[in-house]
Structure formats: structure tokens, C-alpha cells
């Protein structure tokens, strides 16, 4: 197994903090599923850090929230949030980071977009199914509450995460800050 360097630990911590901060930028929506920048920050971390380290940063974020640290949207935390109506989104975040990171490791823009799209679909499906289960609603209602209003901003987030993420990753590689 490859050792984790002090540099890797620092990058993982920095991106965990970025996810926490951007997760607080939240717009309440009618059905209780807020629009947040978590779904930008998580694939952004995956693109820059790669699949394994991006997933680790996201797992740390989810675990912090699960134990009650108020890192989720609206400064919330705890198992009630993780297993509540929006918990499916939270539980899918590590997969979202992994998909984005795996796509960015292929070093082709089409793979990056594919990874971002796959991560978003996983996020939507997990969020929709958990919402439907917790709220005792049908999947049509869950789709309207958890997917439909978020599609336009997801497209914007995918474009921004890929553009900024790949640019920053390349700058860090050229500066020999990342290997």
C-alpha cells in the first residue's frame, strides 16, 4: 500500500474544509432539499485530488457531519441529517467525488465530463430514493423535489467544476505542488 504523504494529508484537509465552507452556501427550496454548493465542491475536490484522495476528503466531511459537527448545509450535522430526507445526497457524495476523480485521472475532457455526469446521476438517484423512502412519497414526487429543479444548476456546476478543476490541477502540477 502506498504511504500517504504529509502533502496529501494537507490537500485532503484543505479540500474537506472547502467542501464545508461551500456547503454553507445554500438556497432553501420548496420541498426541503436545499440547493447547495456541496455538489460543486465535491467533484471539484475529486478532479484536483484524484479519485482516492478526493473520496477520502469527502468521506471525512461526511463522517464529521455524521458525528454531529455542523458541516452540512445550514450548519447542521448528526445522524438525523445523514439518515433524513436529504441523507441520500450526503451518502452519495463519496461516490460523486470518486467518479469525478476517476474521470480526471484519464486526462481527457470527455472522461472528466463522463465522471461528473455519472457522479451527478448517482447523487440524484440516491437522493431521490432516500427522499421517497423517508418522506413516504412516490418516485414522481421525489423526482420533482430532488432532481427537476436542480438540473440547470447541475449543468453549470459540471462546466465550472471541470473548467476550474482541470485548470487548477494543471497549475498545481506545473508548479510541482502536486505529483
N, C-alpha and C. Protein backbone atom coordinates (compact mmCIF):
# COMPACT_ATOMS: atom_id res chain seq x y z
N UNK A 1 0.85 -1.19 0.00
CA UNK A 1 0.00 0.00 0.00
C UNK A 1 0.88 1.25 0.00
N UNK A 2 0.51 2.21 -0.80
CA UNK A 2 1.26 3.45 -0.90
C UNK A 2 1.06 4.30 0.36
N UNK A 3 2.17 4.87 0.83
CA UNK A 3 2.08 5.74 2.01
C UNK A 3 1.41 7.06 1.65
N UNK A 4 0.72 7.61 2.61
CA UNK A 4 0.11 8.92 2.44
C UNK A 4 1.10 9.96 2.96
N UNK A 5 1.45 10.90 2.12
CA UNK A 5 2.43 11.91 2.50
C UNK A 5 1.79 13.04 3.30
N UNK A 6 2.64 13.81 3.96
CA UNK A 6 2.15 14.99 4.69
C UNK A 6 1.46 15.95 3.72
N UNK A 7 1.98 16.05 2.53
CA UNK A 7 1.38 16.92 1.50
C UNK A 7 -0.03 16.44 1.16
N UNK A 8 -0.18 15.11 0.99
CA UNK A 8 -1.50 14.56 0.70
C UNK A 8 -2.49 14.86 1.83
N UNK A 9 -2.04 14.68 3.07
CA UNK A 9 -2.89 14.95 4.23
C UNK A 9 -3.33 16.42 4.23
N UNK A 10 -2.40 17.31 3.91
CA UNK A 10 -2.74 18.74 3.86
C UNK A 10 -3.76 19.04 2.78
N UNK A 11 -3.57 18.48 1.58
CA UNK A 11 -4.52 18.70 0.49
C UNK A 11 -5.90 18.13 0.84
N UNK A 12 -5.91 16.95 1.43
CA UNK A 12 -7.18 16.33 1.82
C UNK A 12 -7.89 17.21 2.85
N UNK A 13 -7.15 17.72 3.82
CA UNK A 13 -7.74 18.62 4.83
C UNK A 13 -8.25 19.91 4.23
N UNK A 14 -7.47 20.48 3.32
CA UNK A 14 -7.88 21.73 2.67
C UNK A 14 -9.18 21.52 1.90
N UNK A 15 -9.26 20.42 1.16
CA UNK A 15 -10.47 20.20 0.36
C UNK A 15 -11.66 19.80 1.22
N UNK A 16 -11.42 19.14 2.34
CA UNK A 16 -12.52 18.90 3.28
C UNK A 16 -13.07 20.23 3.76
N UNK A 17 -12.17 21.16 4.10
CA UNK A 17 -12.60 22.49 4.55
C UNK A 17 -13.33 23.25 3.45
N UNK A 18 -12.87 23.13 2.21
CA UNK A 18 -13.55 23.79 1.08
C UNK A 18 -14.98 23.26 0.95
N UNK A 19 -15.14 21.94 1.08
CA UNK A 19 -16.49 21.35 1.00
C UNK A 19 -17.38 21.89 2.11
N UNK A 20 -16.82 21.98 3.33
CA UNK A 20 -17.59 22.51 4.47
C UNK A 20 -18.05 23.94 4.19
N UNK A 21 -17.12 24.78 3.75
CA UNK A 21 -17.44 26.20 3.52
C UNK A 21 -18.46 26.35 2.39
N UNK A 22 -18.22 25.69 1.26
CA UNK A 22 -19.15 25.83 0.13
C UNK A 22 -20.50 25.17 0.42
N UNK A 23 -20.52 24.18 1.31
CA UNK A 23 -21.78 23.55 1.69
C UNK A 23 -22.70 24.49 2.44
N UNK A 24 -22.14 25.55 3.00
CA UNK A 24 -22.97 26.52 3.74
C UNK A 24 -23.65 27.52 2.81
N UNK A 25 -23.21 27.56 1.57
CA UNK A 25 -23.88 28.43 0.59
C UNK A 25 -25.08 27.63 0.09
N UNK A 26 -26.24 28.00 0.59
CA UNK A 26 -27.42 27.17 0.43
C UNK A 26 -28.65 28.03 0.16
N UNK A 27 -29.46 27.56 -0.77
CA UNK A 27 -30.73 28.22 -1.08
C UNK A 27 -31.85 27.24 -0.74
N UNK A 28 -32.72 27.59 0.22
CA UNK A 28 -33.84 26.70 0.56
C UNK A 28 -34.77 26.52 -0.65
N UNK A 29 -35.28 25.30 -0.79
CA UNK A 29 -36.20 25.00 -1.88
C UNK A 29 -37.52 24.51 -1.28
N UNK A 30 -38.61 24.56 -2.05
CA UNK A 30 -39.94 24.26 -1.51
C UNK A 30 -40.11 22.89 -0.84
N UNK A 31 -39.48 21.84 -1.34
CA UNK A 31 -39.70 20.51 -0.79
C UNK A 31 -38.71 20.13 0.31
N UNK A 32 -37.86 21.07 0.73
CA UNK A 32 -36.94 20.79 1.82
C UNK A 32 -35.56 20.33 1.40
N UNK A 33 -35.32 20.19 0.11
CA UNK A 33 -33.99 19.82 -0.38
C UNK A 33 -33.32 21.11 -0.85
N UNK A 34 -32.33 21.60 -0.08
CA UNK A 34 -31.73 22.88 -0.45
C UNK A 34 -30.79 22.77 -1.65
N UNK A 35 -30.63 23.86 -2.35
CA UNK A 35 -29.65 23.94 -3.43
C UNK A 35 -28.36 24.43 -2.78
N UNK A 36 -27.30 23.63 -2.85
CA UNK A 36 -26.04 23.98 -2.19
C UNK A 36 -24.88 23.92 -3.16
N UNK A 37 -23.75 24.42 -2.69
CA UNK A 37 -22.53 24.31 -3.50
C UNK A 37 -21.69 23.09 -3.11
N UNK A 38 -22.25 22.21 -2.26
CA UNK A 38 -21.57 20.94 -1.98
C UNK A 38 -21.38 20.16 -3.27
N UNK A 39 -22.40 20.18 -4.10
CA UNK A 39 -22.35 19.41 -5.34
C UNK A 39 -21.45 20.04 -6.39
N UNK A 40 -20.88 21.19 -6.08
CA UNK A 40 -19.78 21.74 -6.87
C UNK A 40 -18.46 21.37 -6.22
N UNK A 41 -18.37 21.56 -4.90
CA UNK A 41 -17.12 21.37 -4.17
C UNK A 41 -16.64 19.92 -4.20
N UNK A 42 -17.55 18.98 -4.13
CA UNK A 42 -17.16 17.57 -4.05
C UNK A 42 -16.55 17.08 -5.37
N UNK A 43 -17.17 17.27 -6.51
CA UNK A 43 -16.49 16.86 -7.74
C UNK A 43 -15.23 17.70 -8.02
N UNK A 44 -15.24 18.94 -7.60
CA UNK A 44 -14.06 19.81 -7.73
C UNK A 44 -12.88 19.18 -6.98
N UNK A 45 -13.14 18.71 -5.76
CA UNK A 45 -12.10 18.03 -4.98
C UNK A 45 -11.66 16.76 -5.68
N UNK A 46 -12.60 16.00 -6.22
CA UNK A 46 -12.26 14.77 -6.94
C UNK A 46 -11.38 15.04 -8.15
N UNK A 47 -11.70 16.09 -8.90
CA UNK A 47 -10.92 16.41 -10.10
C UNK A 47 -9.49 16.78 -9.71
N UNK A 48 -9.33 17.62 -8.72
CA UNK A 48 -7.99 18.10 -8.36
C UNK A 48 -7.20 17.03 -7.62
N UNK A 49 -7.82 16.36 -6.67
CA UNK A 49 -7.09 15.39 -5.84
C UNK A 49 -7.00 14.00 -6.44
N UNK A 50 -7.89 13.70 -7.37
CA UNK A 50 -7.95 12.34 -7.91
C UNK A 50 -9.00 11.54 -7.15
N UNK A 51 -9.26 10.35 -7.65
CA UNK A 51 -10.35 9.52 -7.12
C UNK A 51 -10.15 9.16 -5.64
N UNK A 52 -9.00 8.65 -5.28
CA UNK A 52 -8.80 8.18 -3.91
C UNK A 52 -8.76 9.31 -2.90
N UNK A 53 -7.94 10.33 -3.15
CA UNK A 53 -7.81 11.42 -2.17
C UNK A 53 -9.06 12.30 -2.15
N UNK A 54 -9.69 12.50 -3.29
CA UNK A 54 -10.95 13.27 -3.33
C UNK A 54 -12.05 12.56 -2.57
N UNK A 55 -12.11 11.23 -2.73
CA UNK A 55 -13.09 10.44 -1.99
C UNK A 55 -12.80 10.50 -0.49
N UNK A 56 -11.52 10.43 -0.13
CA UNK A 56 -11.15 10.49 1.29
C UNK A 56 -11.55 11.84 1.90
N UNK A 57 -11.30 12.94 1.19
CA UNK A 57 -11.71 14.27 1.69
C UNK A 57 -13.22 14.31 1.90
N UNK A 58 -13.96 13.71 0.99
CA UNK A 58 -15.41 13.70 1.08
C UNK A 58 -15.89 12.78 2.21
N UNK A 59 -15.26 11.63 2.37
CA UNK A 59 -15.61 10.73 3.47
C UNK A 59 -15.39 11.40 4.82
N UNK A 60 -14.30 12.14 4.95
CA UNK A 60 -14.03 12.86 6.19
C UNK A 60 -15.15 13.87 6.44
N UNK A 61 -15.54 14.58 5.40
CA UNK A 61 -16.64 15.54 5.50
C UNK A 61 -17.93 14.86 5.99
N UNK A 62 -18.28 13.74 5.37
CA UNK A 62 -19.50 13.02 5.73
C UNK A 62 -19.40 12.51 7.18
N UNK A 63 -18.24 11.97 7.56
CA UNK A 63 -18.08 11.46 8.92
C UNK A 63 -18.15 12.58 9.96
N UNK A 64 -17.55 13.73 9.65
CA UNK A 64 -17.65 14.87 10.56
C UNK A 64 -19.11 15.24 10.80
N UNK A 65 -19.86 15.32 9.72
CA UNK A 65 -21.28 15.63 9.85
C UNK A 65 -22.06 14.56 10.57
N UNK A 66 -21.73 13.30 10.31
CA UNK A 66 -22.45 12.19 10.94
C UNK A 66 -22.28 12.18 12.46
N UNK A 67 -21.10 12.59 12.94
CA UNK A 67 -20.88 12.59 14.39
C UNK A 67 -21.39 13.86 15.05
N UNK A 68 -21.97 14.75 14.26
CA UNK A 68 -22.62 15.92 14.84
C UNK A 68 -21.95 17.25 14.61
N UNK A 69 -20.79 17.27 13.98
CA UNK A 69 -20.15 18.55 13.67
C UNK A 69 -21.02 19.25 12.63
N UNK A 70 -21.37 20.51 12.84
CA UNK A 70 -22.32 21.19 11.94
C UNK A 70 -21.69 21.62 10.61
N UNK A 71 -21.40 20.63 9.77
CA UNK A 71 -20.74 20.90 8.49
C UNK A 71 -21.69 20.84 7.30
N UNK A 72 -22.87 20.27 7.49
CA UNK A 72 -23.82 20.17 6.39
C UNK A 72 -24.53 21.51 6.18
N UNK A 73 -25.28 21.61 5.10
CA UNK A 73 -25.98 22.85 4.76
C UNK A 73 -26.76 23.39 5.95
N UNK A 74 -26.70 24.68 6.14
CA UNK A 74 -27.40 25.32 7.24
C UNK A 74 -26.76 25.05 8.59
N UNK A 75 -25.49 24.73 8.60
CA UNK A 75 -24.74 24.41 9.83
C UNK A 75 -25.43 23.31 10.63
N UNK A 76 -25.79 22.24 9.94
CA UNK A 76 -26.42 21.10 10.59
C UNK A 76 -25.45 19.91 10.59
N UNK A 77 -25.76 18.93 11.38
CA UNK A 77 -24.97 17.72 11.44
C UNK A 77 -25.72 16.68 12.25
N UNK A 78 -25.19 15.48 12.28
CA UNK A 78 -25.79 14.41 13.05
C UNK A 78 -26.39 13.32 12.18
N UNK A 79 -26.62 12.18 12.82
CA UNK A 79 -27.18 11.04 12.10
C UNK A 79 -28.60 11.30 11.60
N UNK A 80 -29.32 12.20 12.29
CA UNK A 80 -30.67 12.55 11.84
C UNK A 80 -30.66 13.18 10.45
N UNK A 81 -29.61 13.92 10.15
CA UNK A 81 -29.48 14.52 8.82
C UNK A 81 -29.03 13.47 7.81
N UNK A 82 -28.03 12.68 8.20
CA UNK A 82 -27.49 11.66 7.30
C UNK A 82 -28.56 10.65 6.89
N UNK A 83 -29.43 10.30 7.82
CA UNK A 83 -30.48 9.32 7.51
C UNK A 83 -31.85 9.97 7.35
N UNK A 84 -31.87 11.29 7.15
CA UNK A 84 -33.11 12.02 6.93
C UNK A 84 -33.44 12.14 5.45
N UNK A 85 -34.35 13.05 5.16
CA UNK A 85 -34.86 13.21 3.79
C UNK A 85 -33.78 13.55 2.77
N UNK A 86 -32.75 14.29 3.18
CA UNK A 86 -31.68 14.65 2.25
C UNK A 86 -30.43 13.78 2.41
N UNK A 87 -30.53 12.77 3.25
CA UNK A 87 -29.38 11.92 3.54
C UNK A 87 -28.85 11.14 2.35
N UNK A 88 -29.70 10.79 1.42
CA UNK A 88 -29.24 10.06 0.23
C UNK A 88 -28.22 10.86 -0.56
N UNK A 89 -28.43 12.17 -0.62
CA UNK A 89 -27.45 13.03 -1.29
C UNK A 89 -26.11 12.96 -0.57
N UNK A 90 -26.16 13.10 0.75
CA UNK A 90 -24.94 13.10 1.56
C UNK A 90 -24.21 11.76 1.43
N UNK A 91 -24.94 10.67 1.53
CA UNK A 91 -24.32 9.35 1.45
C UNK A 91 -23.72 9.08 0.07
N UNK A 92 -24.21 9.75 -0.95
CA UNK A 92 -23.68 9.54 -2.30
C UNK A 92 -22.45 10.41 -2.59
N UNK A 93 -22.16 11.38 -1.73
CA UNK A 93 -21.05 12.30 -2.01
C UNK A 93 -19.72 11.60 -2.25
N UNK A 94 -19.33 10.58 -1.47
CA UNK A 94 -18.05 9.92 -1.78
C UNK A 94 -18.01 9.30 -3.18
N UNK A 95 -19.13 8.75 -3.62
CA UNK A 95 -19.20 8.17 -4.97
C UNK A 95 -19.08 9.27 -6.02
N UNK A 96 -19.68 10.40 -5.73
CA UNK A 96 -19.61 11.55 -6.63
C UNK A 96 -18.16 12.01 -6.79
N UNK A 97 -17.44 12.10 -5.67
CA UNK A 97 -16.03 12.51 -5.71
C UNK A 97 -15.20 11.47 -6.46
N UNK A 98 -15.47 10.20 -6.21
CA UNK A 98 -14.71 9.14 -6.87
C UNK A 98 -14.92 9.19 -8.38
N UNK A 99 -16.16 9.35 -8.83
CA UNK A 99 -16.45 9.41 -10.27
C UNK A 99 -15.72 10.58 -10.92
N UNK A 100 -15.78 11.75 -10.29
CA UNK A 100 -15.10 12.93 -10.85
C UNK A 100 -13.60 12.71 -10.88
N UNK A 101 -13.06 12.16 -9.80
CA UNK A 101 -11.62 11.91 -9.74
C UNK A 101 -11.17 10.87 -10.74
N UNK A 102 -11.93 9.80 -10.88
CA UNK A 102 -11.59 8.76 -11.84
C UNK A 102 -11.61 9.32 -13.26
N UNK A 103 -12.59 10.16 -13.55
CA UNK A 103 -12.65 10.79 -14.88
C UNK A 103 -11.46 11.69 -15.13
N UNK A 104 -11.05 12.45 -14.11
CA UNK A 104 -9.93 13.39 -14.29
C UNK A 104 -8.59 12.67 -14.43
N UNK A 105 -8.49 11.46 -13.89
CA UNK A 105 -7.25 10.71 -14.00
C UNK A 105 -7.01 10.17 -15.40
N UNK A 106 -8.05 10.14 -16.22
CA UNK A 106 -7.92 9.69 -17.62
C UNK A 106 -7.31 10.79 -18.50
N UNK A 107 -7.28 12.01 -17.99
CA UNK A 107 -6.66 13.16 -18.65
C UNK A 107 -7.29 13.51 -20.00
N UNK A 108 -8.54 13.18 -20.17
CA UNK A 108 -9.28 13.59 -21.36
C UNK A 108 -10.56 14.26 -20.89
N UNK A 109 -10.89 15.37 -21.49
CA UNK A 109 -12.05 16.15 -21.07
C UNK A 109 -13.33 15.33 -21.15
N UNK A 110 -13.45 14.48 -22.15
CA UNK A 110 -14.67 13.66 -22.26
C UNK A 110 -14.81 12.73 -21.07
N UNK A 111 -13.70 12.18 -20.57
CA UNK A 111 -13.76 11.33 -19.39
C UNK A 111 -14.13 12.13 -18.15
N UNK A 112 -13.63 13.35 -18.07
CA UNK A 112 -13.97 14.22 -16.93
C UNK A 112 -15.47 14.49 -16.92
N UNK A 113 -16.00 14.90 -18.07
CA UNK A 113 -17.43 15.15 -18.15
C UNK A 113 -18.24 13.89 -17.87
N UNK A 114 -17.77 12.75 -18.36
CA UNK A 114 -18.43 11.48 -18.08
C UNK A 114 -18.44 11.16 -16.60
N UNK A 115 -17.31 11.39 -15.93
CA UNK A 115 -17.23 11.17 -14.49
C UNK A 115 -18.15 12.10 -13.72
N UNK A 116 -18.18 13.36 -14.14
CA UNK A 116 -19.06 14.34 -13.48
C UNK A 116 -20.53 13.99 -13.70
N UNK A 117 -20.86 13.57 -14.89
CA UNK A 117 -22.24 13.18 -15.19
C UNK A 117 -22.63 11.94 -14.39
N UNK A 118 -21.75 10.94 -14.36
CA UNK A 118 -22.04 9.72 -13.60
C UNK A 118 -22.22 10.04 -12.11
N UNK A 119 -21.35 10.88 -11.57
CA UNK A 119 -21.46 11.28 -10.17
C UNK A 119 -22.75 12.00 -9.88
N UNK A 120 -23.16 12.88 -10.78
CA UNK A 120 -24.42 13.61 -10.60
C UNK A 120 -25.62 12.68 -10.65
N UNK A 121 -25.59 11.72 -11.56
CA UNK A 121 -26.70 10.77 -11.66
C UNK A 121 -26.79 9.92 -10.40
N UNK A 122 -25.65 9.45 -9.90
CA UNK A 122 -25.64 8.68 -8.65
C UNK A 122 -26.19 9.53 -7.51
N UNK A 123 -25.76 10.79 -7.45
CA UNK A 123 -26.22 11.71 -6.42
C UNK A 123 -27.73 11.90 -6.49
N UNK A 124 -28.24 12.11 -7.68
CA UNK A 124 -29.69 12.29 -7.85
C UNK A 124 -30.46 11.03 -7.46
N UNK A 125 -30.00 9.89 -7.92
CA UNK A 125 -30.72 8.65 -7.64
C UNK A 125 -30.74 8.33 -6.15
N UNK A 126 -29.58 8.43 -5.51
CA UNK A 126 -29.53 8.17 -4.06
C UNK A 126 -30.40 9.17 -3.29
N UNK A 127 -30.30 10.44 -3.68
CA UNK A 127 -31.10 11.47 -3.02
C UNK A 127 -32.58 11.26 -3.21
N UNK A 128 -32.95 10.92 -4.43
CA UNK A 128 -34.36 10.72 -4.76
C UNK A 128 -34.95 9.50 -4.02
N UNK A 129 -34.21 8.39 -4.01
CA UNK A 129 -34.72 7.19 -3.35
C UNK A 129 -34.81 7.38 -1.84
N UNK A 130 -33.81 8.02 -1.24
CA UNK A 130 -33.85 8.24 0.22
C UNK A 130 -34.99 9.20 0.56
N UNK A 131 -35.14 10.26 -0.22
CA UNK A 131 -36.23 11.21 0.00
C UNK A 131 -37.57 10.49 -0.07
N UNK A 132 -37.75 9.67 -1.10
CA UNK A 132 -39.00 8.95 -1.29
C UNK A 132 -39.27 8.02 -0.10
N UNK A 133 -38.23 7.33 0.37
CA UNK A 133 -38.38 6.41 1.50
C UNK A 133 -38.72 7.15 2.79
N UNK A 134 -37.94 8.18 3.11
CA UNK A 134 -38.12 8.90 4.37
C UNK A 134 -39.43 9.68 4.39
N UNK A 135 -39.77 10.28 3.27
CA UNK A 135 -40.98 11.11 3.21
C UNK A 135 -42.22 10.32 2.82
N UNK A 136 -42.07 9.02 2.60
CA UNK A 136 -43.19 8.16 2.19
C UNK A 136 -43.89 8.73 0.95
N UNK A 137 -43.09 9.15 0.00
CA UNK A 137 -43.66 9.71 -1.23
C UNK A 137 -43.36 8.77 -2.39
N UNK A 138 -44.05 9.00 -3.48
CA UNK A 138 -43.76 8.19 -4.66
C UNK A 138 -42.54 8.77 -5.39
N UNK A 139 -42.03 8.03 -6.34
CA UNK A 139 -40.82 8.46 -7.05
C UNK A 139 -41.06 9.68 -7.93
N UNK A 140 -42.29 9.86 -8.41
CA UNK A 140 -42.59 11.06 -9.20
C UNK A 140 -42.44 12.32 -8.35
N UNK A 141 -42.98 12.27 -7.13
CA UNK A 141 -42.85 13.41 -6.21
C UNK A 141 -41.38 13.63 -5.86
N UNK A 142 -40.65 12.54 -5.60
CA UNK A 142 -39.23 12.65 -5.27
C UNK A 142 -38.45 13.26 -6.44
N UNK A 143 -38.80 12.87 -7.66
CA UNK A 143 -38.13 13.43 -8.84
C UNK A 143 -38.36 14.94 -8.93
N UNK A 144 -39.60 15.35 -8.71
CA UNK A 144 -39.94 16.78 -8.77
C UNK A 144 -39.23 17.56 -7.65
N UNK A 145 -39.11 16.96 -6.49
CA UNK A 145 -38.49 17.63 -5.34
C UNK A 145 -36.97 17.60 -5.39
N UNK A 146 -36.40 16.52 -5.88
CA UNK A 146 -34.96 16.28 -5.72
C UNK A 146 -34.13 16.38 -6.99
N UNK A 147 -34.77 16.36 -8.15
CA UNK A 147 -34.00 16.34 -9.39
C UNK A 147 -34.36 17.51 -10.31
N UNK A 148 -35.62 17.59 -10.67
CA UNK A 148 -36.06 18.54 -11.69
C UNK A 148 -35.59 19.98 -11.47
N UNK A 149 -35.75 20.56 -10.28
CA UNK A 149 -35.34 21.96 -10.14
C UNK A 149 -33.81 22.16 -10.14
N UNK A 150 -33.06 21.07 -10.01
CA UNK A 150 -31.62 21.18 -9.87
C UNK A 150 -30.85 20.92 -11.17
N UNK A 151 -31.54 20.46 -12.20
CA UNK A 151 -30.86 20.13 -13.46
C UNK A 151 -30.11 21.32 -14.06
N UNK A 152 -30.73 22.50 -14.18
CA UNK A 152 -29.98 23.63 -14.77
C UNK A 152 -28.70 23.99 -14.00
N UNK A 153 -28.79 24.01 -12.67
CA UNK A 153 -27.59 24.37 -11.90
C UNK A 153 -26.56 23.25 -11.92
N UNK A 154 -27.00 22.02 -12.07
CA UNK A 154 -26.05 20.91 -12.18
C UNK A 154 -25.22 21.05 -13.45
N UNK A 155 -25.84 21.45 -14.52
CA UNK A 155 -25.11 21.67 -15.78
C UNK A 155 -24.05 22.75 -15.58
N UNK A 156 -24.43 23.84 -14.93
CA UNK A 156 -23.48 24.93 -14.67
C UNK A 156 -22.35 24.44 -13.77
N UNK A 157 -22.68 23.69 -12.72
CA UNK A 157 -21.67 23.18 -11.80
C UNK A 157 -20.71 22.23 -12.49
N UNK A 158 -21.21 21.38 -13.38
CA UNK A 158 -20.36 20.46 -14.13
C UNK A 158 -19.37 21.23 -14.99
N UNK A 159 -19.85 22.24 -15.69
CA UNK A 159 -18.97 23.04 -16.54
C UNK A 159 -17.92 23.78 -15.70
N UNK A 160 -18.37 24.40 -14.60
CA UNK A 160 -17.43 25.13 -13.74
C UNK A 160 -16.44 24.21 -13.04
N UNK A 161 -16.92 23.10 -12.50
CA UNK A 161 -16.03 22.17 -11.79
C UNK A 161 -14.97 21.61 -12.73
N UNK A 162 -15.38 21.26 -13.95
CA UNK A 162 -14.40 20.71 -14.90
C UNK A 162 -13.42 21.78 -15.35
N UNK A 163 -13.90 22.94 -15.69
CA UNK A 163 -13.03 24.01 -16.19
C UNK A 163 -12.06 24.48 -15.10
N UNK A 164 -12.60 24.86 -13.95
CA UNK A 164 -11.74 25.33 -12.85
C UNK A 164 -10.87 24.22 -12.30
N UNK A 165 -11.47 23.05 -12.11
CA UNK A 165 -10.74 21.93 -11.53
C UNK A 165 -9.54 21.52 -12.36
N UNK A 166 -9.75 21.35 -13.67
CA UNK A 166 -8.65 20.95 -14.54
C UNK A 166 -7.59 22.05 -14.64
N UNK A 167 -8.02 23.30 -14.68
CA UNK A 167 -7.06 24.42 -14.74
C UNK A 167 -6.21 24.48 -13.48
N UNK A 168 -6.84 24.39 -12.33
CA UNK A 168 -6.11 24.45 -11.06
C UNK A 168 -5.20 23.23 -10.91
N UNK A 169 -5.70 22.07 -11.29
CA UNK A 169 -4.88 20.85 -11.21
C UNK A 169 -3.63 20.99 -12.07
N UNK A 170 -3.79 21.51 -13.29
CA UNK A 170 -2.64 21.70 -14.18
C UNK A 170 -1.65 22.72 -13.61
N UNK A 171 -2.16 23.79 -13.01
CA UNK A 171 -1.28 24.80 -12.40
C UNK A 171 -0.50 24.16 -11.24
N UNK A 172 -1.17 23.39 -10.41
CA UNK A 172 -0.51 22.73 -9.29
C UNK A 172 0.54 21.71 -9.75
N UNK A 173 0.24 21.00 -10.83
CA UNK A 173 1.20 20.02 -11.37
C UNK A 173 2.41 20.75 -11.94
N UNK A 174 2.19 21.81 -12.71
CA UNK A 174 3.30 22.57 -13.30
C UNK A 174 4.16 23.22 -12.23
N UNK A 175 3.55 23.65 -11.13
CA UNK A 175 4.28 24.27 -10.04
C UNK A 175 4.95 23.20 -9.13
N UNK A 176 4.74 21.94 -9.50
CA UNK A 176 5.29 20.81 -8.76
C UNK A 176 4.80 20.76 -7.31
N UNK A 177 3.61 21.30 -7.10
CA UNK A 177 2.98 21.24 -5.78
C UNK A 177 2.26 19.90 -5.63
N UNK A 178 1.75 19.40 -6.76
CA UNK A 178 1.08 18.08 -6.80
C UNK A 178 1.86 17.19 -7.74
N UNK A 179 1.85 15.93 -7.42
CA UNK A 179 2.51 14.96 -8.29
C UNK A 179 1.53 13.95 -8.80
